[in-house]
Amino acid sequence: MNYPNFGAFIKIKREEKKITLRKMAEMLDVSAPFLSDVEKDRRNPFDLDKLTLVSQILCLSPEDEELMFNLAGDKRNSVAPDLPEYIMQRDYVSSALRTARDLNAGEKEWQEFVEQLRNKKGQ
């Protein structure tokens, strides 16, 4: 399914789980009007801790959790919130990103790189 934004994603997933807006807000320790504003794309997404809690409450698959993080980053016009700490703690990741940028690496090169990493993990 294609989601237009972070708020729509959260609302659709919440409704699929048959969780009311008020109940979800209570579980997240936010007000119902605040959660409503998030779902209507009037407010920025939650911080990483709350996003992790959202994932747990909604029992998101790893793929849906990744999509949620990406949509949250898109809304903030930023990197997905689950990535900055990883990037900042590893100089080689920043170096790899700069190298890819400088070489104008495209989707094909990144897909090959990710596949190599996945294959290595399986060995």
C-alpha atoms as a PDB file:
ATOM      1  CA  MET A   1       0.000   0.000   0.000  1.00  0.00           C
ATOM      2  CA  ASN A   2       1.177   3.519  -0.754  1.00  0.00           C
ATOM      3  CA  TYR A   3       0.837   6.062   2.058  1.00  0.00           C
ATOM      4  CA  PRO A   4       0.741   9.785   1.266  1.00  0.00           C
ATOM      5  CA  ASN A   5       2.490  10.786   4.500  1.00  0.00           C
ATOM      6  CA  PHE A   6       3.506   9.763   8.004  1.00  0.00           C
ATOM      7  CA  GLY A   7       0.197  10.743   9.596  1.00  0.00           C
ATOM      8  CA  ALA A   8      -1.883   8.743   7.127  1.00  0.00           C
ATOM      9  CA  PHE A   9       0.364   5.725   7.702  1.00  0.00           C
ATOM     10  CA  ILE A  10      -0.158   5.887  11.484  1.00  0.00           C
ATOM     11  CA  LYS A  11      -3.908   6.393  11.163  1.00  0.00           C
ATOM     12  CA  ILE A  12      -4.381   3.526   8.711  1.00  0.00           C
ATOM     13  CA  LYS A  13      -2.248   1.138  10.777  1.00  0.00           C
ATOM     14  CA  ARG A  14      -4.030   2.174  13.997  1.00  0.00           C
ATOM     15  CA  GLU A  15      -7.439   1.611  12.425  1.00  0.00           C
ATOM     16  CA  GLU A  16      -6.331  -1.772  11.032  1.00  0.00           C
ATOM     17  CA  LYS A  17      -5.559  -2.801  14.625  1.00  0.00           C
ATOM     18  CA  LYS A  18      -8.928  -1.404  15.746  1.00  0.00           C
ATOM     19  CA  ILE A  19      -7.301   0.913  18.267  1.00  0.00           C
ATOM     20  CA  THR A  20      -9.213   4.120  18.950  1.00  0.00           C
ATOM     21  CA  LEU A  21      -7.467   7.454  18.673  1.00  0.00           C
ATOM     22  CA  ARG A  22      -7.969   8.058  22.407  1.00  0.00           C
ATOM     23  CA  LYS A  23      -6.592   4.642  23.361  1.00  0.00           C
ATOM     24  CA  MET A  24      -3.546   5.072  21.146  1.00  0.00           C
ATOM     25  CA  ALA A  25      -2.938   8.551  22.562  1.00  0.00           C
ATOM     26  CA  GLU A  26      -3.149   7.140  26.069  1.00  0.00           C
ATOM     27  CA  MET A  27      -0.696   4.358  25.201  1.00  0.00           C
ATOM     28  CA  LEU A  28       1.715   6.961  23.808  1.00  0.00           C
ATOM     29  CA  ASP A  29       1.198   9.339  26.729  1.00  0.00           C
ATOM     30  CA  VAL A  30       0.102  12.185  24.447  1.00  0.00           C
ATOM     31  CA  SER A  31      -3.218  13.988  24.173  1.00  0.00           C
ATOM     32  CA  ALA A  32      -5.830  12.794  21.699  1.00  0.00           C
ATOM     33  CA  PRO A  33      -5.869  16.202  19.946  1.00  0.00           C
ATOM     34  CA  PHE A  34      -2.082  16.013  19.565  1.00  0.00           C
ATOM     35  CA  LEU A  35      -2.266  12.516  18.023  1.00  0.00           C
ATOM     36  CA  SER A  36      -5.105  13.690  15.774  1.00  0.00           C
ATOM     37  CA  ASP A  37      -2.914  16.554  14.553  1.00  0.00           C
ATOM     38  CA  VAL A  38      -0.070  14.104  13.857  1.00  0.00           C
ATOM     39  CA  GLU A  39      -2.405  11.844  11.892  1.00  0.00           C
ATOM     40  CA  LYS A  40      -3.729  14.826   9.922  1.00  0.00           C
ATOM     41  CA  ASP A  41      -0.150  15.810   9.042  1.00  0.00           C
ATOM     42  CA  ARG A  42      -0.401  19.061  11.015  1.00  0.00           C
ATOM     43  CA  ARG A  43       2.448  18.184  13.389  1.00  0.00           C
ATOM     44  CA  ASN A  44       5.829  16.592  13.018  1.00  0.00           C
ATOM     45  CA  PRO A  45       6.236  12.901  13.795  1.00  0.00           C
ATOM     46  CA  PHE A  46       7.229  11.727  17.241  1.00  0.00           C
ATOM     47  CA  ASP A  47      10.815  11.347  18.463  1.00  0.00           C
ATOM     48  CA  LEU A  48      12.604   8.013  18.078  1.00  0.00           C
ATOM     49  CA  ASP A  49      11.499   6.635  21.454  1.00  0.00           C
ATOM     50  CA  LYS A  50       7.828   7.269  20.711  1.00  0.00           C
ATOM     51  CA  LEU A  51       8.204   5.940  17.167  1.00  0.00           C
ATOM     52  CA  THR A  52       9.615   2.731  18.605  1.00  0.00           C
ATOM     53  CA  LEU A  53       6.623   2.557  20.936  1.00  0.00           C
ATOM     54  CA  VAL A  54       4.263   3.172  18.001  1.00  0.00           C
ATOM     55  CA  SER A  55       5.899   0.247  16.209  1.00  0.00           C
ATOM     56  CA  GLN A  56       5.372  -1.989  19.245  1.00  0.00           C
ATOM     57  CA  ILE A  57       1.765  -0.895  19.798  1.00  0.00           C
ATOM     58  CA  LEU A  58       0.887  -1.454  16.143  1.00  0.00           C
ATOM     59  CA  CYS A  59       2.961  -4.674  15.900  1.00  0.00           C
ATOM     60  CA  LEU A  60       4.649  -3.375  12.753  1.00  0.00           C
ATOM     61  CA  SER A  61       6.634  -5.735  10.590  1.00  0.00           C
ATOM     62  CA  PRO A  62      10.291  -4.807  10.039  1.00  0.00           C
ATOM     63  CA  GLU A  63       9.334  -3.517   6.578  1.00  0.00           C
ATOM     64  CA  ASP A  64       6.496  -1.362   7.932  1.00  0.00           C
ATOM     65  CA  GLU A  65       8.714  -0.058  10.735  1.00  0.00           C
ATOM     66  CA  GLU A  66      11.332   0.954   8.164  1.00  0.00           C
ATOM     67  CA  LEU A  67       8.631   2.651   6.088  1.00  0.00           C
ATOM     68  CA  MET A  68       7.343   4.481   9.185  1.00  0.00           C
ATOM     69  CA  PHE A  69      10.859   5.754   9.968  1.00  0.00           C
ATOM     70  CA  ASN A  70      11.327   6.864   6.344  1.00  0.00           C
ATOM     71  CA  LEU A  71       7.977   8.676   6.310  1.00  0.00           C
ATOM     72  CA  ALA A  72       8.867  10.371   9.622  1.00  0.00           C
ATOM     73  CA  GLY A  73      12.159  11.531   8.124  1.00  0.00           C
ATOM     74  CA  ASP A  74      10.416  12.759   4.987  1.00  0.00           C
ATOM     75  CA  LYS A  75       7.943  14.789   7.048  1.00  0.00           C
ATOM     76  CA  ARG A  76      10.832  16.417   8.933  1.00  0.00           C
ATOM     77  CA  ASN A  77      12.793  16.851   5.685  1.00  0.00           C
ATOM     78  CA  SER A  78      15.545  14.846   7.324  1.00  0.00           C
ATOM     79  CA  VAL A  79      17.160  11.438   7.509  1.00  0.00           C
ATOM     80  CA  ALA A  80      14.959   8.724   8.998  1.00  0.00           C
ATOM     81  CA  PRO A  81      15.185   9.095  12.798  1.00  0.00           C
ATOM     82  CA  ASP A  82      16.552   5.604  13.359  1.00  0.00           C
ATOM     83  CA  LEU A  83      19.737   6.346  11.351  1.00  0.00           C
ATOM     84  CA  PRO A  84      21.584   9.445  12.681  1.00  0.00           C
ATOM     85  CA  GLU A  85      23.009   7.772  15.785  1.00  0.00           C
ATOM     86  CA  TYR A  86      24.292   4.839  13.716  1.00  0.00           C
ATOM     87  CA  ILE A  87      25.851   7.182  11.168  1.00  0.00           C
ATOM     88  CA  MET A  88      27.382   9.501  13.746  1.00  0.00           C
ATOM     89  CA  GLN A  89      28.968   6.694  15.767  1.00  0.00           C
ATOM     90  CA  ARG A  90      30.744   5.237  12.736  1.00  0.00           C
ATOM     91  CA  ASP A  91      33.088   7.504  10.762  1.00  0.00           C
ATOM     92  CA  TYR A  92      33.317   4.910   8.002  1.00  0.00           C
ATOM     93  CA  VAL A  93      29.586   5.225   7.294  1.00  0.00           C
ATOM     94  CA  SER A  94      29.925   8.964   6.690  1.00  0.00           C
ATOM     95  CA  SER A  95      32.957   8.257   4.525  1.00  0.00           C
ATOM     96  CA  ALA A  96      31.024   5.654   2.518  1.00  0.00           C
ATOM     97  CA  LEU A  97      28.128   8.059   2.020  1.00  0.00           C
ATOM     98  CA  ARG A  98      30.445  10.836   0.850  1.00  0.00           C
ATOM     99  CA  THR A  99      32.235   8.469  -1.527  1.00  0.00           C
ATOM    100  CA  ALA A 100      28.910   7.322  -2.968  1.00  0.00           C
ATOM    101  CA  ARG A 101      27.817  10.949  -3.328  1.00  0.00           C
ATOM    102  CA  ASP A 102      31.091  12.005  -4.985  1.00  0.00           C
ATOM    103  CA  LEU A 103      30.921   9.082  -7.405  1.00  0.00           C
ATOM    104  CA  ASN A 104      27.233   9.775  -8.030  1.00  0.00           C
ATOM    105  CA  ALA A 105      26.314   6.209  -7.034  1.00  0.00           C
ATOM    106  CA  GLY A 106      22.846   5.326  -8.202  1.00  0.00           C
ATOM    107  CA  GLU A 107      20.190   2.937  -7.037  1.00  0.00           C
ATOM    108  CA  LYS A 108      21.787   0.016  -8.897  1.00  0.00           C
ATOM    109  CA  GLU A 109      25.127   0.446  -7.094  1.00  0.00           C
ATOM    110  CA  TRP A 110      23.432   0.779  -3.694  1.00  0.00           C
ATOM    111  CA  GLN A 111      21.263  -2.283  -4.311  1.00  0.00           C
ATOM    112  CA  GLU A 112      24.385  -4.292  -5.217  1.00  0.00           C
ATOM    113  CA  PHE A 113      26.138  -3.048  -2.076  1.00  0.00           C
ATOM    114  CA  VAL A 114      23.194  -3.965   0.153  1.00  0.00           C
ATOM    115  CA  GLU A 115      22.959  -7.388  -1.487  1.00  0.00           C
ATOM    116  CA  GLN A 116      26.683  -7.971  -0.853  1.00  0.00           C
ATOM    117  CA  LEU A 117      26.183  -7.116   2.819  1.00  0.00           C
ATOM    118  CA  ARG A 118      23.187  -9.446   3.091  1.00  0.00           C
ATOM    119  CA  ASN A 119      25.110 -12.267   1.429  1.00  0.00           C
ATOM    120  CA  LYS A 120      28.032 -11.749   3.784  1.00  0.00           C
ATOM    121  CA  LYS A 121      25.703 -11.935   6.791  1.00  0.00           C
ATOM    122  CA  GLY A 122      24.346 -15.282   5.576  1.00  0.00           C
ATOM    123  CA  GLN A 123      27.811 -16.870   5.334  1.00  0.00           C
END
